[in-house]
Amino acid sequence: MNSAGLKSLLCVACGIAVLVCGCKPSEKPAVVVLPKDLKEPTLSEQIASVERGESDRIHLLKSTVADSDLAQLIAVKNLRELLLDDSQVSAAGIQKLIGLPALEHLRIRGRPLDDEALLAAAELKSLRVLNLPHGEFTDDGVRALSALPNLVQLRLGSRKLTDRAMAEMMQFPSLLRIHLLEAPITDSGLKEIHANTKLESLYLDGSQVTEQGLRDLFQALPELHVHVNQQHADFDPNRHDH
């Protein structure tokens, strides 16, 4: 693939990598269509691009990545974003990323991850955005992420999380945006965040929160951007059409 084609795909990757950043009434999501003849750059090609200073991002949409593949990243010191959308990576693979000083955004989709993966991610001290939507995480695993001083955005998927996870996240030093998928959070979990006036957005998909719980949340934090199952509540003070 030539340099222009590679940069084109990487720009597309940038466009679809945005997570839980809120929404504005005047904005509509862009429709991205990849050229049919544009093949995905391989991991090696994208590593070379980062090493040449042409990019600071590796995004693999289709290529399956395993733990052993991540060993190639050890020397890529200026890698800022690693987005893996067809992953077989485990905690052992995430541990191979610990030596990357510039890594700010990590997304791993595919193979369900566990608390060991969160313990490994907690060693990536430069992380600002962590997106692990397929997991079996528990509250104890979430607690480990409090060791990330710069984490502002967290997206986790797990049916094993409880209301205690919300309390644990309130101990994170920099967290501004939370997105939980299929976590059975209840109104008690919402109460854990009532005093956090720094929180900017909360997305909950598949939770057990009630209308009263949301009303209480809006009363406590009227500026908080909230989506439940991808929608604003009718009584949300910040509700608007998308």
Foldseek 3Di string as FASTA:
>chain_A
DDPVLQVVVVVVVVLPVDPQPFDDQVDDRDDDDDPPPRDHDDPVVVLVCLVVVVDQEDADQDDEDELVNLLVCLPSQSRAYYHYNAYPYELSSLLSCLNRQRHAEYAHHHDAYELSNLLSVLSNQNYQEYAYAHYAYELVSLLSNLSRQRHAYYEYEHCRYELSNLLSVVSRNHYAGYAYALHAYELSSLVSCLQPQRHAEYEYENYHYDPVSVVSSCVSHVRHHYHYNNADDPPRNPHHDD
